[in-house]
Amino acid sequence: MLVKRIFYYLIGLSLGAIGVYFFWQKKNASFDYGMDARTLKTIRIRDRVYSDEAKIKMTQHNIDTLKIAAILQNGDVDFGKGKPRQKPCAEYYVTGKKELKTVSLLIERCDSTATIKKVILN
């Protein structure tokens, strides 16, 4: 009797999980609950501005805005190297992953803009 209940439970759980997966996939929802994910999301939703220094470095090393967007999508935020509590605009140090792990960004996040102040190559 117990085995039968567990079997029915697992069937229902599996069907429910599949249904939720397809439902959320179509809604294009994101679950940004970690500190890095929340920080990167708040940077991504603001108007992006590039400092002159960052533009020069990007041109010299063939780094385009798509690479910057990739870093802002799934990079690592180093809160120790930035100034996240600085007022009025916080500063964040973001490092890329995988093929972009040698590229880091110093970003100043204000109320309506996110300024890429420096592009740093390690």
PDB file of N, CA and C in Angstrom:
ATOM      1  N   MET A   1       0.808  -1.196   0.000  1.00  0.00           N
ATOM      2  CA  MET A   1       0.000   0.000   0.000  1.00  0.00           C
ATOM      3  C   MET A   1       0.862   1.276   0.000  1.00  0.00           C
ATOM      4  N   LEU A   2       1.903   1.291   0.833  1.00  0.00           N
ATOM      5  CA  LEU A   2       2.786   2.458   0.901  1.00  0.00           C
ATOM      6  C   LEU A   2       3.554   2.634  -0.409  1.00  0.00           C
ATOM      7  N   VAL A   3       3.993   1.553  -0.989  1.00  0.00           N
ATOM      8  CA  VAL A   3       4.727   1.596  -2.257  1.00  0.00           C
ATOM      9  C   VAL A   3       3.847   2.183  -3.361  1.00  0.00           C
ATOM     10  N   LYS A   4       2.580   1.834  -3.347  1.00  0.00           N
ATOM     11  CA  LYS A   4       1.647   2.337  -4.347  1.00  0.00           C
ATOM     12  C   LYS A   4       1.472   3.854  -4.197  1.00  0.00           C
ATOM     13  N   ARG A   5       1.365   4.336  -2.977  1.00  0.00           N
ATOM     14  CA  ARG A   5       1.219   5.781  -2.729  1.00  0.00           C
ATOM     15  C   ARG A   5       2.462   6.548  -3.178  1.00  0.00           C
ATOM     16  N   ILE A   6       3.640   5.995  -2.860  1.00  0.00           N
ATOM     17  CA  ILE A   6       4.879   6.642  -3.278  1.00  0.00           C
ATOM     18  C   ILE A   6       4.972   6.679  -4.795  1.00  0.00           C
ATOM     19  N   PHE A   7       4.565   5.616  -5.455  1.00  0.00           N
ATOM     20  CA  PHE A   7       4.568   5.564  -6.912  1.00  0.00           C
ATOM     21  C   PHE A   7       3.668   6.661  -7.497  1.00  0.00           C
ATOM     22  N   TYR A   8       2.449   6.787  -6.986  1.00  0.00           N
ATOM     23  CA  TYR A   8       1.529   7.829  -7.468  1.00  0.00           C
ATOM     24  C   TYR A   8       2.070   9.229  -7.168  1.00  0.00           C
ATOM     25  N   TYR A   9       2.681   9.388  -6.018  1.00  0.00           N
ATOM     26  CA  TYR A   9       3.266  10.669  -5.638  1.00  0.00           C
ATOM     27  C   TYR A   9       4.366  11.064  -6.629  1.00  0.00           C
ATOM     28  N   LEU A  10       5.249  10.132  -6.951  1.00  0.00           N
ATOM     29  CA  LEU A  10       6.352  10.418  -7.870  1.00  0.00           C
ATOM     30  C   LEU A  10       5.856  10.718  -9.280  1.00  0.00           C
ATOM     31  N   ILE A  11       4.805  10.036  -9.710  1.00  0.00           N
ATOM     32  CA  ILE A  11       4.220  10.327 -11.027  1.00  0.00           C
ATOM     33  C   ILE A  11       3.658  11.749 -11.042  1.00  0.00           C
ATOM     34  N   GLY A  12       2.915  12.118 -10.014  1.00  0.00           N
ATOM     35  CA  GLY A  12       2.346  13.469  -9.935  1.00  0.00           C
ATOM     36  C   GLY A  12       3.415  14.540  -9.831  1.00  0.00           C
ATOM     37  N   LEU A  13       4.445  14.270  -9.035  1.00  0.00           N
ATOM     38  CA  LEU A  13       5.546  15.226  -8.892  1.00  0.00           C
ATOM     39  C   LEU A  13       6.275  15.416 -10.223  1.00  0.00           C
ATOM     40  N   SER A  14       6.500  14.348 -10.951  1.00  0.00           N
ATOM     41  CA  SER A  14       7.181  14.431 -12.243  1.00  0.00           C
ATOM     42  C   SER A  14       6.363  15.224 -13.254  1.00  0.00           C
ATOM     43  N   LEU A  15       5.080  14.925 -13.341  1.00  0.00           N
ATOM     44  CA  LEU A  15       4.208  15.668 -14.272  1.00  0.00           C
ATOM     45  C   LEU A  15       4.145  17.145 -13.896  1.00  0.00           C
ATOM     46  N   GLY A  16       4.048  17.422 -12.615  1.00  0.00           N
ATOM     47  CA  GLY A  16       4.015  18.813 -12.158  1.00  0.00           C
ATOM     48  C   GLY A  16       5.308  19.547 -12.471  1.00  0.00           C
ATOM     49  N   ALA A  17       6.444  18.893 -12.255  1.00  0.00           N
ATOM     50  CA  ALA A  17       7.739  19.517 -12.537  1.00  0.00           C
ATOM     51  C   ALA A  17       7.890  19.819 -14.022  1.00  0.00           C
ATOM     52  N   ILE A  18       7.456  18.894 -14.864  1.00  0.00           N
ATOM     53  CA  ILE A  18       7.521  19.120 -16.314  1.00  0.00           C
ATOM     54  C   ILE A  18       6.621  20.288 -16.706  1.00  0.00           C
ATOM     55  N   GLY A  19       5.417  20.336 -16.153  1.00  0.00           N
ATOM     56  CA  GLY A  19       4.500  21.436 -16.445  1.00  0.00           C
ATOM     57  C   GLY A  19       5.057  22.782 -16.012  1.00  0.00           C
ATOM     58  N   VAL A  20       5.616  22.849 -14.813  1.00  0.00           N
ATOM     59  CA  VAL A  20       6.196  24.106 -14.318  1.00  0.00           C
ATOM     60  C   VAL A  20       7.383  24.523 -15.182  1.00  0.00           C
ATOM     61  N   TYR A  21       8.208  23.558 -15.573  1.00  0.00           N
ATOM     62  CA  TYR A  21       9.360  23.862 -16.418  1.00  0.00           C
ATOM     63  C   TYR A  21       8.916  24.543 -17.709  1.00  0.00           C
ATOM     64  N   PHE A  22       7.956  23.995 -18.411  1.00  0.00           N
ATOM     65  CA  PHE A  22       7.504  24.583 -19.666  1.00  0.00           C
ATOM     66  C   PHE A  22       6.766  25.900 -19.446  1.00  0.00           C
ATOM     67  N   PHE A  23       6.035  26.020 -18.363  1.00  0.00           N
ATOM     68  CA  PHE A  23       5.324  27.261 -18.056  1.00  0.00           C
ATOM     69  C   PHE A  23       6.308  28.400 -17.824  1.00  0.00           C
ATOM     70  N   TRP A  24       7.329  28.183 -16.990  1.00  0.00           N
ATOM     71  CA  TRP A  24       8.290  29.245 -16.687  1.00  0.00           C
ATOM     72  C   TRP A  24       9.216  29.526 -17.855  1.00  0.00           C
ATOM     73  N   GLN A  25       9.460  28.541 -18.695  1.00  0.00           N
ATOM     74  CA  GLN A  25      10.325  28.751 -19.849  1.00  0.00           C
ATOM     75  C   GLN A  25       9.682  29.744 -20.816  1.00  0.00           C
ATOM     76  N   LYS A  26       8.395  29.658 -21.002  1.00  0.00           N
ATOM     77  CA  LYS A  26       7.698  30.560 -21.919  1.00  0.00           C
ATOM     78  C   LYS A  26       7.559  31.963 -21.342  1.00  0.00           C
ATOM     79  N   LYS A  27       7.553  32.093 -20.023  1.00  0.00           N
ATOM     80  CA  LYS A  27       7.396  33.405 -19.394  1.00  0.00           C
ATOM     81  C   LYS A  27       8.699  34.191 -19.363  1.00  0.00           C
ATOM     82  N   ASN A  28       9.813  33.526 -19.692  1.00  0.00           N
ATOM     83  CA  ASN A  28      11.117  34.173 -19.683  1.00  0.00           C
ATOM     84  C   ASN A  28      11.403  34.808 -18.327  1.00  0.00           C
ATOM     85  N   ALA A  29      11.123  34.086 -17.268  1.00  0.00           N
ATOM     86  CA  ALA A  29      11.340  34.563 -15.913  1.00  0.00           C
ATOM     87  C   ALA A  29      12.782  34.307 -15.492  1.00  0.00           C
ATOM     88  N   SER A  30      13.267  35.145 -14.599  1.00  0.00           N
ATOM     89  CA  SER A  30      14.613  34.927 -14.063  1.00  0.00           C
ATOM     90  C   SER A  30      14.516  34.898 -12.543  1.00  0.00           C
ATOM     91  N   PHE A  31      15.382  34.134 -11.946  1.00  0.00           N
ATOM     92  CA  PHE A  31      15.392  33.987 -10.501  1.00  0.00           C
ATOM     93  C   PHE A  31      16.716  34.519  -9.973  1.00  0.00           C
ATOM     94  N   ASP A  32      16.808  35.822  -9.835  1.00  0.00           N
ATOM     95  CA  ASP A  32      18.033  36.488  -9.413  1.00  0.00           C
ATOM     96  C   ASP A  32      17.988  36.731  -7.905  1.00  0.00           C
ATOM     97  N   TYR A  33      18.334  35.702  -7.139  1.00  0.00           N
ATOM     98  CA  TYR A  33      18.242  35.815  -5.693  1.00  0.00           C
ATOM     99  C   TYR A  33      19.593  35.947  -5.015  1.00  0.00           C
ATOM    100  N   GLY A  34      20.672  35.549  -5.654  1.00  0.00           N
ATOM    101  CA  GLY A  34      21.997  35.687  -5.056  1.00  0.00           C
ATOM    102  C   GLY A  34      22.479  37.125  -5.139  1.00  0.00           C
ATOM    103  N   MET A  35      23.486  37.452  -4.326  1.00  0.00           N
ATOM    104  CA  MET A  35      24.003  38.828  -4.321  1.00  0.00           C
ATOM    105  C   MET A  35      24.586  39.210  -5.676  1.00  0.00           C
ATOM    106  N   ASP A  36      25.376  38.308  -6.268  1.00  0.00           N
ATOM    107  CA  ASP A  36      25.959  38.594  -7.580  1.00  0.00           C
ATOM    108  C   ASP A  36      24.869  38.802  -8.624  1.00  0.00           C
ATOM    109  N   ALA A  37      23.890  37.920  -8.638  1.00  0.00           N
ATOM    110  CA  ALA A  37      22.831  37.979  -9.654  1.00  0.00           C
ATOM    111  C   ALA A  37      22.005  39.258  -9.521  1.00  0.00           C
ATOM    112  N   ARG A  38      21.673  39.645  -8.296  1.00  0.00           N
ATOM    113  CA  ARG A  38      20.894  40.879  -8.091  1.00  0.00           C
ATOM    114  C   ARG A  38      21.688  42.101  -8.521  1.00  0.00           C
ATOM    115  N   THR A  39      22.977  42.118  -8.166  1.00  0.00           N
ATOM    116  CA  THR A  39      23.825  43.255  -8.523  1.00  0.00           C
ATOM    117  C   THR A  39      23.961  43.376 -10.035  1.00  0.00           C
ATOM    118  N   LEU A  40      24.247  42.264 -10.696  1.00  0.00           N
ATOM    119  CA  LEU A  40      24.396  42.301 -12.150  1.00  0.00           C
ATOM    120  C   LEU A  40      23.090  42.684 -12.839  1.00  0.00           C
ATOM    121  N   LYS A  41      21.967  42.240 -12.307  1.00  0.00           N
ATOM    122  CA  LYS A  41      20.684  42.586 -12.911  1.00  0.00           C
ATOM    123  C   LYS A  41      20.420  44.087 -12.792  1.00  0.00           C
ATOM    124  N   THR A  42      20.721  44.674 -11.621  1.00  0.00           N
ATOM    125  CA  THR A  42      20.490  46.117 -11.471  1.00  0.00           C
ATOM    126  C   THR A  42      21.417  46.921 -12.367  1.00  0.00           C
ATOM    127  N   ILE A  43      22.593  46.391 -12.644  1.00  0.00           N
ATOM    128  CA  ILE A  43      23.496  47.073 -13.588  1.00  0.00           C
ATOM    129  C   ILE A  43      22.956  46.942 -15.009  1.00  0.00           C
ATOM    130  N   ARG A  44      22.490  45.755 -15.378  1.00  0.00           N
ATOM    131  CA  ARG A  44      22.003  45.518 -16.749  1.00  0.00           C
ATOM    132  C   ARG A  44      20.768  46.347 -17.094  1.00  0.00           C
ATOM    133  N   ILE A  45      19.888  46.595 -16.138  1.00  0.00           N
ATOM    134  CA  ILE A  45      18.638  47.289 -16.469  1.00  0.00           C
ATOM    135  C   ILE A  45      18.806  48.804 -16.572  1.00  0.00           C
ATOM    136  N   ARG A  46      19.948  49.317 -16.178  1.00  0.00           N
ATOM    137  CA  ARG A  46      20.177  50.754 -16.289  1.00  0.00           C
ATOM    138  C   ARG A  46      20.806  51.092 -17.645  1.00  0.00           C
ATOM    139  N   ASP A  47      20.687  52.365 -18.029  1.00  0.00           N
ATOM    140  CA  ASP A  47      21.331  52.818 -19.259  1.00  0.00           C
ATOM    141  C   ASP A  47      22.839  52.672 -19.098  1.00  0.00           C
ATOM    142  N   ARG A  48      23.474  52.055 -20.081  1.00  0.00           N
ATOM    143  CA  ARG A  48      24.909  51.785 -20.008  1.00  0.00           C
ATOM    144  C   ARG A  48      25.677  52.905 -20.686  1.00  0.00           C
ATOM    145  N   VAL A  49      26.661  53.444 -19.964  1.00  0.00           N
ATOM    146  CA  VAL A  49      27.519  54.516 -20.464  1.00  0.00           C
ATOM    147  C   VAL A  49      28.963  54.033 -20.340  1.00  0.00           C
ATOM    148  N   TYR A  50      29.804  54.398 -21.310  1.00  0.00           N
ATOM    149  CA  TYR A  50      31.207  53.995 -21.298  1.00  0.00           C
ATOM    150  C   TYR A  50      32.082  55.238 -21.146  1.00  0.00           C
ATOM    151  N   SER A  51      33.025  55.189 -20.216  1.00  0.00           N
ATOM    152  CA  SER A  51      33.962  56.298 -20.059  1.00  0.00           C
ATOM    153  C   SER A  51      34.919  56.308 -21.238  1.00  0.00           C
ATOM    154  N   ASP A  52      35.605  57.431 -21.435  1.00  0.00           N
ATOM    155  CA  ASP A  52      36.575  57.523 -22.531  1.00  0.00           C
ATOM    156  C   ASP A  52      37.695  56.501 -22.341  1.00  0.00           C
ATOM    157  N   GLU A  53      38.152  56.328 -21.113  1.00  0.00           N
ATOM    158  CA  GLU A  53      39.211  55.362 -20.815  1.00  0.00           C
ATOM    159  C   GLU A  53      38.773  53.942 -21.182  1.00  0.00           C
ATOM    160  N   ALA A  54      37.541  53.604 -20.865  1.00  0.00           N
ATOM    161  CA  ALA A  54      37.023  52.271 -21.183  1.00  0.00           C
ATOM    162  C   ALA A  54      36.904  52.080 -22.692  1.00  0.00           C
ATOM    163  N   LYS A  55      36.451  53.100 -23.395  1.00  0.00           N
ATOM    164  CA  LYS A  55      36.322  53.010 -24.856  1.00  0.00           C
ATOM    165  C   LYS A  55      37.672  52.767 -25.524  1.00  0.00           C
ATOM    166  N   ILE A  56      38.693  53.464 -25.041  1.00  0.00           N
ATOM    167  CA  ILE A  56      40.033  53.315 -25.612  1.00  0.00           C
ATOM    168  C   ILE A  56      40.547  51.894 -25.396  1.00  0.00           C
ATOM    169  N   LYS A  57      40.385  51.388 -24.169  1.00  0.00           N
ATOM    170  CA  LYS A  57      40.851  50.032 -23.837  1.00  0.00           C
ATOM    171  C   LYS A  57      40.087  48.982 -24.648  1.00  0.00           C
ATOM    172  N   MET A  58      38.793  49.200 -24.822  1.00  0.00           N
ATOM    173  CA  MET A  58      37.983  48.269 -25.604  1.00  0.00           C
ATOM    174  C   MET A  58      38.450  48.234 -27.059  1.00  0.00           C
ATOM    175  N   THR A  59      38.765  49.388 -27.621  1.00  0.00           N
ATOM    176  CA  THR A  59      39.235  49.462 -28.999  1.00  0.00           C
ATOM    177  C   THR A  59      40.604  48.799 -29.147  1.00  0.00           C
ATOM    178  N   GLN A  60      41.501  49.059 -28.189  1.00  0.00           N
ATOM    179  CA  GLN A  60      42.856  48.501 -28.251  1.00  0.00           C
ATOM    180  C   GLN A  60      42.857  46.976 -28.191  1.00  0.00           C
ATOM    181  N   HIS A  61      41.959  46.402 -27.402  1.00  0.00           N
ATOM    182  CA  HIS A  61      41.980  44.956 -27.162  1.00  0.00           C
ATOM    183  C   HIS A  61      40.815  44.213 -27.819  1.00  0.00           C
ATOM    184  N   ASN A  62      40.154  44.870 -28.764  1.00  0.00           N
ATOM    185  CA  ASN A  62      39.075  44.244 -29.534  1.00  0.00           C
ATOM    186  C   ASN A  62      37.980  43.660 -28.636  1.00  0.00           C
ATOM    187  N   ILE A  63      37.525  44.458 -27.698  1.00  0.00           N
ATOM    188  CA  ILE A  63      36.428  44.065 -26.815  1.00  0.00           C
ATOM    189  C   ILE A  63      35.209  44.886 -27.231  1.00  0.00           C
ATOM    190  N   ASP A  64      34.158  44.201 -27.647  1.00  0.00           N
ATOM    191  CA  ASP A  64      32.960  44.915 -28.087  1.00  0.00           C
ATOM    192  C   ASP A  64      31.887  44.891 -26.996  1.00  0.00           C
ATOM    193  N   THR A  65      30.775  45.538 -27.283  1.00  0.00           N
ATOM    194  CA  THR A  65      29.700  45.639 -26.290  1.00  0.00           C
ATOM    195  C   THR A  65      29.033  44.291 -26.029  1.00  0.00           C
ATOM    196  N   LEU A  66      29.121  43.366 -26.984  1.00  0.00           N
ATOM    197  CA  LEU A  66      28.572  42.019 -26.754  1.00  0.00           C
ATOM    198  C   LEU A  66      29.361  41.282 -25.675  1.00  0.00           C
ATOM    199  N   LYS A  67      30.670  41.456 -25.675  1.00  0.00           N
ATOM    200  CA  LYS A  67      31.492  40.838 -24.625  1.00  0.00           C
ATOM    201  C   LYS A  67      31.205  41.470 -23.269  1.00  0.00           C
ATOM    202  N   ILE A  68      31.012  42.772 -23.254  1.00  0.00           N
ATOM    203  CA  ILE A  68      30.657  43.456 -22.001  1.00  0.00           C
ATOM    204  C   ILE A  68      29.313  42.937 -21.505  1.00  0.00           C
ATOM    205  N   ALA A  69      28.354  42.789 -22.422  1.00  0.00           N
ATOM    206  CA  ALA A  69      27.033  42.269 -22.043  1.00  0.00           C
ATOM    207  C   ALA A  69      27.139  40.845 -21.505  1.00  0.00           C
ATOM    208  N   ALA A  70      28.021  40.024 -22.090  1.00  0.00           N
ATOM    209  CA  ALA A  70      28.213  38.653 -21.602  1.00  0.00           C
ATOM    210  C   ALA A  70      28.784  38.650 -20.190  1.00  0.00           C
ATOM    211  N   ILE A  71      29.716  39.551 -19.922  1.00  0.00           N
ATOM    212  CA  ILE A  71      30.268  39.657 -18.567  1.00  0.00           C
ATOM    213  C   ILE A  71      29.184  40.092 -17.589  1.00  0.00           C
ATOM    214  N   LEU A  72      28.357  41.028 -18.000  1.00  0.00           N
ATOM    215  CA  LEU A  72      27.285  41.507 -17.122  1.00  0.00           C
ATOM    216  C   LEU A  72      26.165  40.483 -16.970  1.00  0.00           C
ATOM    217  N   GLN A  73      26.102  39.515 -17.851  1.00  0.00           N
ATOM    218  CA  GLN A  73      25.078  38.469 -17.752  1.00  0.00           C
ATOM    219  C   GLN A  73      25.475  37.392 -16.749  1.00  0.00           C
ATOM    220  N   ASN A  74      26.741  36.980 -16.783  1.00  0.00           N
ATOM    221  CA  ASN A  74      27.121  35.861 -15.910  1.00  0.00           C
ATOM    222  C   ASN A  74      28.495  36.018 -15.282  1.00  0.00           C
ATOM    223  N   GLY A  75      28.919  37.236 -15.003  1.00  0.00           N
ATOM    224  CA  GLY A  75      30.215  37.476 -14.383  1.00  0.00           C
ATOM    225  C   GLY A  75      30.171  37.302 -12.872  1.00  0.00           C
ATOM    226  N   ASP A  76      31.332  37.461 -12.265  1.00  0.00           N
ATOM    227  CA  ASP A  76      31.463  37.401 -10.811  1.00  0.00           C
ATOM    228  C   ASP A  76      31.703  38.799 -10.275  1.00  0.00           C
ATOM    229  N   VAL A  77      30.950  39.194  -9.253  1.00  0.00           N
ATOM    230  CA  VAL A  77      31.128  40.487  -8.621  1.00  0.00           C
ATOM    231  C   VAL A  77      32.049  40.303  -7.419  1.00  0.00           C
ATOM    232  N   ASP A  78      33.156  41.054  -7.385  1.00  0.00           N
ATOM    233  CA  ASP A  78      34.075  41.021  -6.250  1.00  0.00           C
ATOM    234  C   ASP A  78      33.765  42.235  -5.384  1.00  0.00           C
ATOM    235  N   PHE A  79      32.985  42.020  -4.336  1.00  0.00           N
ATOM    236  CA  PHE A  79      32.547  43.126  -3.488  1.00  0.00           C
ATOM    237  C   PHE A  79      33.709  43.725  -2.701  1.00  0.00           C
ATOM    238  N   GLY A  80      34.774  42.952  -2.496  1.00  0.00           N
ATOM    239  CA  GLY A  80      35.938  43.447  -1.764  1.00  0.00           C
ATOM    240  C   GLY A  80      36.742  44.463  -2.554  1.00  0.00           C
ATOM    241  N   LYS A  81      36.740  44.366  -3.860  1.00  0.00           N
ATOM    242  CA  LYS A  81      37.496  45.291  -4.706  1.00  0.00           C
ATOM    243  C   LYS A  81      36.683  46.520  -5.088  1.00  0.00           C
ATOM    244  N   GLY A  82      35.380  46.471  -4.910  1.00  0.00           N
ATOM    245  CA  GLY A  82      34.518  47.599  -5.242  1.00  0.00           C
ATOM    246  C   GLY A  82      34.143  48.381  -4.000  1.00  0.00           C
ATOM    247  N   LYS A  83      33.256  49.325  -4.181  1.00  0.00           N
ATOM    248  CA  LYS A  83      32.736  50.132  -3.075  1.00  0.00           C
ATOM    249  C   LYS A  83      31.209  50.114  -3.158  1.00  0.00           C
ATOM    250  N   PRO A  84      30.580  48.991  -2.770  1.00  0.00           N
ATOM    251  CA  PRO A  84      29.136  48.851  -2.963  1.00  0.00           C
ATOM    252  C   PRO A  84      28.285  49.782  -2.098  1.00  0.00           C
ATOM    253  N   ARG A  85      28.836  50.313  -1.024  1.00  0.00           N
ATOM    254  CA  ARG A  85      28.056  51.193  -0.137  1.00  0.00           C
ATOM    255  C   ARG A  85      28.359  52.673  -0.361  1.00  0.00           C
ATOM    256  N   GLN A  86      29.144  52.972  -1.358  1.00  0.00           N
ATOM    257  CA  GLN A  86      29.504  54.356  -1.652  1.00  0.00           C
ATOM    258  C   GLN A  86      28.276  55.136  -2.102  1.00  0.00           C
ATOM    259  N   LYS A  87      28.126  56.348  -1.628  1.00  0.00           N
ATOM    260  CA  LYS A  87      27.000  57.204  -2.000  1.00  0.00           C
ATOM    261  C   LYS A  87      27.506  58.355  -2.854  1.00  0.00           C
ATOM    262  N   PRO A  88      26.818  58.851  -3.828  1.00  0.00           N
ATOM    263  CA  PRO A  88      25.503  58.438  -4.303  1.00  0.00           C
ATOM    264  C   PRO A  88      25.568  57.287  -5.299  1.00  0.00           C
ATOM    265  N   CYS A  89      26.767  56.982  -5.810  1.00  0.00           N
ATOM    266  CA  CYS A  89      26.871  55.923  -6.809  1.00  0.00           C
ATOM    267  C   CYS A  89      27.829  54.834  -6.320  1.00  0.00           C
ATOM    268  N   ALA A  90      27.342  53.617  -6.268  1.00  0.00           N
ATOM    269  CA  ALA A  90      28.158  52.492  -5.833  1.00  0.00           C
ATOM    270  C   ALA A  90      29.088  52.049  -6.955  1.00  0.00           C
ATOM    271  N   GLU A  91      30.246  51.486  -6.577  1.00  0.00           N
ATOM    272  CA  GLU A  91      31.184  50.957  -7.556  1.00  0.00           C
ATOM    273  C   GLU A  91      31.299  49.455  -7.381  1.00  0.00           C
ATOM    274  N   TYR A  92      31.355  48.745  -8.512  1.00  0.00           N
ATOM    275  CA  TYR A  92      31.451  47.288  -8.492  1.00  0.00           C
ATOM    276  C   TYR A  92      32.576  46.840  -9.409  1.00  0.00           C
ATOM    277  N   TYR A  93      33.260  45.788  -8.990  1.00  0.00           N
ATOM    278  CA  TYR A  93      34.338  45.174  -9.765  1.00  0.00           C
ATOM    279  C   TYR A  93      33.813  43.825 -10.243  1.00  0.00           C
ATOM    280  N   VAL A  94      33.648  43.680 -11.553  1.00  0.00           N
ATOM    281  CA  VAL A  94      33.043  42.480 -12.135  1.00  0.00           C
ATOM    282  C   VAL A  94      34.065  41.804 -13.042  1.00  0.00           C
ATOM    283  N   THR A  95      34.239  40.495 -12.847  1.00  0.00           N
ATOM    284  CA  THR A  95      35.166  39.706 -13.649  1.00  0.00           C
ATOM    285  C   THR A  95      34.382  38.711 -14.496  1.00  0.00           C
ATOM    286  N   GLY A  96      34.799  38.542 -15.739  1.00  0.00           N
ATOM    287  CA  GLY A  96      34.135  37.610 -16.640  1.00  0.00           C
ATOM    288  C   GLY A  96      34.441  36.164 -16.292  1.00  0.00           C
ATOM    289  N   LYS A  97      33.692  35.273 -16.913  1.00  0.00           N
ATOM    290  CA  LYS A  97      33.893  33.833 -16.726  1.00  0.00           C
ATOM    291  C   LYS A  97      34.294  33.204 -18.053  1.00  0.00           C
ATOM    292  N   LYS A  98      34.800  31.990 -17.968  1.00  0.00           N
ATOM    293  CA  LYS A  98      35.209  31.171 -19.112  1.00  0.00           C
ATOM    294  C   LYS A  98      36.192  31.912 -19.997  1.00  0.00           C
ATOM    295  N   GLU A  99      35.868  32.140 -21.269  1.00  0.00           N
ATOM    296  CA  GLU A  99      36.815  32.765 -22.180  1.00  0.00           C
ATOM    297  C   GLU A  99      37.036  34.245 -21.879  1.00  0.00           C
ATOM    298  N   LEU A 100      36.180  34.848 -21.071  1.00  0.00           N
ATOM    299  CA  LEU A 100      36.323  36.263 -20.707  1.00  0.00           C
ATOM    300  C   LEU A 100      36.866  36.442 -19.291  1.00  0.00           C
ATOM    301  N   LYS A 101      37.483  35.405 -18.723  1.00  0.00           N
ATOM    302  CA  LYS A 101      37.948  35.484 -17.338  1.00  0.00           C
ATOM    303  C   LYS A 101      39.121  36.441 -17.167  1.00  0.00           C
ATOM    304  N   THR A 102      39.761  36.837 -18.257  1.00  0.00           N
ATOM    305  CA  THR A 102      40.864  37.787 -18.157  1.00  0.00           C
ATOM    306  C   THR A 102      40.399  39.242 -18.233  1.00  0.00           C
ATOM    307  N   VAL A 103      39.117  39.450 -18.433  1.00  0.00           N
ATOM    308  CA  VAL A 103      38.566  40.801 -18.555  1.00  0.00           C
ATOM    309  C   VAL A 103      37.763  41.138 -17.299  1.00  0.00           C
ATOM    310  N   SER A 104      38.086  42.277 -16.696  1.00  0.00           N
ATOM    311  CA  SER A 104      37.345  42.761 -15.530  1.00  0.00           C
ATOM    312  C   SER A 104      36.845  44.171 -15.823  1.00  0.00           C
ATOM    313  N   LEU A 105      35.777  44.531 -15.160  1.00  0.00           N
ATOM    314  CA  LEU A 105      35.166  45.847 -15.355  1.00  0.00           C
ATOM    315  C   LEU A 105      35.024  46.557 -14.017  1.00  0.00           C
ATOM    316  N   LEU A 106      35.293  47.852 -14.001  1.00  0.00           N
ATOM    317  CA  LEU A 106      34.987  48.681 -12.848  1.00  0.00           C
ATOM    318  C   LEU A 106      33.770  49.503 -13.253  1.00  0.00           C
ATOM    319  N   ILE A 107      32.670  49.284 -12.549  1.00  0.00           N
ATOM    320  CA  ILE A 107      31.390  49.870 -12.941  1.00  0.00           C
ATOM    321  C   ILE A 107      30.867  50.766 -11.832  1.00  0.00           C
ATOM    322  N   GLU A 108      30.387  51.938 -12.222  1.00  0.00           N
ATOM    323  CA  GLU A 108      29.759  52.862 -11.278  1.00  0.00           C
ATOM    324  C   GLU A 108      28.255  52.830 -11.542  1.00  0.00           C
ATOM    325  N   ARG A 109      27.486  52.358 -10.552  1.00  0.00           N
ATOM    326  CA  ARG A 109      26.041  52.232 -10.712  1.00  0.00           C
ATOM    327  C   ARG A 109      25.343  53.362  -9.970  1.00  0.00           C
ATOM    328  N   CYS A 110      24.659  54.196 -10.730  1.00  0.00           N
ATOM    329  CA  CYS A 110      23.883  55.296 -10.156  1.00  0.00           C
ATOM    330  C   CYS A 110      22.397  54.979 -10.302  1.00  0.00           C
ATOM    331  N   ASP A 111      21.545  55.958 -10.013  1.00  0.00           N
ATOM    332  CA  ASP A 111      20.101  55.726 -10.056  1.00  0.00           C
ATOM    333  C   ASP A 111      19.597  55.326 -11.436  1.00  0.00           C
ATOM    334  N   SER A 112      20.071  56.004 -12.472  1.00  0.00           N
ATOM    335  CA  SER A 112      19.537  55.721 -13.806  1.00  0.00           C
ATOM    336  C   SER A 112      20.579  55.217 -14.794  1.00  0.00           C
ATOM    337  N   THR A 113      21.860  55.267 -14.442  1.00  0.00           N
ATOM    338  CA  THR A 113      22.900  54.840 -15.368  1.00  0.00           C
ATOM    339  C   THR A 113      23.889  53.884 -14.699  1.00  0.00           C
ATOM    340  N   ALA A 114      24.535  53.097 -15.524  1.00  0.00           N
ATOM    341  CA  ALA A 114      25.653  52.263 -15.106  1.00  0.00           C
ATOM    342  C   ALA A 114      26.824  52.626 -16.013  1.00  0.00           C
ATOM    343  N   THR A 115      27.858  53.212 -15.433  1.00  0.00           N
ATOM    344  CA  THR A 115      29.002  53.673 -16.209  1.00  0.00           C
ATOM    345  C   THR A 115      30.135  52.666 -16.112  1.00  0.00           C
ATOM    346  N   ILE A 116      30.578  52.176 -17.256  1.00  0.00           N
ATOM    347  CA  ILE A 116      31.749  51.310 -17.309  1.00  0.00           C
ATOM    348  C   ILE A 116      32.942  52.251 -17.246  1.00  0.00           C
ATOM    349  N   LYS A 117      33.541  52.376 -16.080  1.00  0.00           N
ATOM    350  CA  LYS A 117      34.640  53.323 -15.890  1.00  0.00           C
ATOM    351  C   LYS A 117      35.951  52.792 -16.429  1.00  0.00           C
ATOM    352  N   LYS A 118      36.248  51.518 -16.155  1.00  0.00           N
ATOM    353  CA  LYS A 118      37.520  50.932 -16.584  1.00  0.00           C
ATOM    354  C   LYS A 118      37.299  49.511 -17.105  1.00  0.00           C
ATOM    355  N   VAL A 119      38.075  49.161 -18.100  1.00  0.00           N
ATOM    356  CA  VAL A 119      38.150  47.782 -18.580  1.00  0.00           C
ATOM    357  C   VAL A 119      39.572  47.339 -18.248  1.00  0.00           C
ATOM    358  N   ILE A 120      39.670  46.292 -17.427  1.00  0.00           N
ATOM    359  CA  ILE A 120      40.965  45.841 -16.920  1.00  0.00           C
ATOM    360  C   ILE A 120      41.250  44.459 -17.481  1.00  0.00           C
ATOM    361  N   LEU A 121      42.441  44.277 -18.033  1.00  0.00           N
ATOM    362  CA  LEU A 121      42.855  42.974 -18.562  1.00  0.00           C
ATOM    363  C   LEU A 121      43.884  42.378 -17.617  1.00  0.00           C
ATOM    364  N   ASN A 122      43.617  41.165 -17.148  1.00  0.00           N
ATOM    365  CA  ASN A 122      44.515  40.497 -16.189  1.00  0.00           C
ATOM    366  C   ASN A 122      45.480  39.599 -16.919  1.00  0.00           C
TER     367      ASN A 122
END
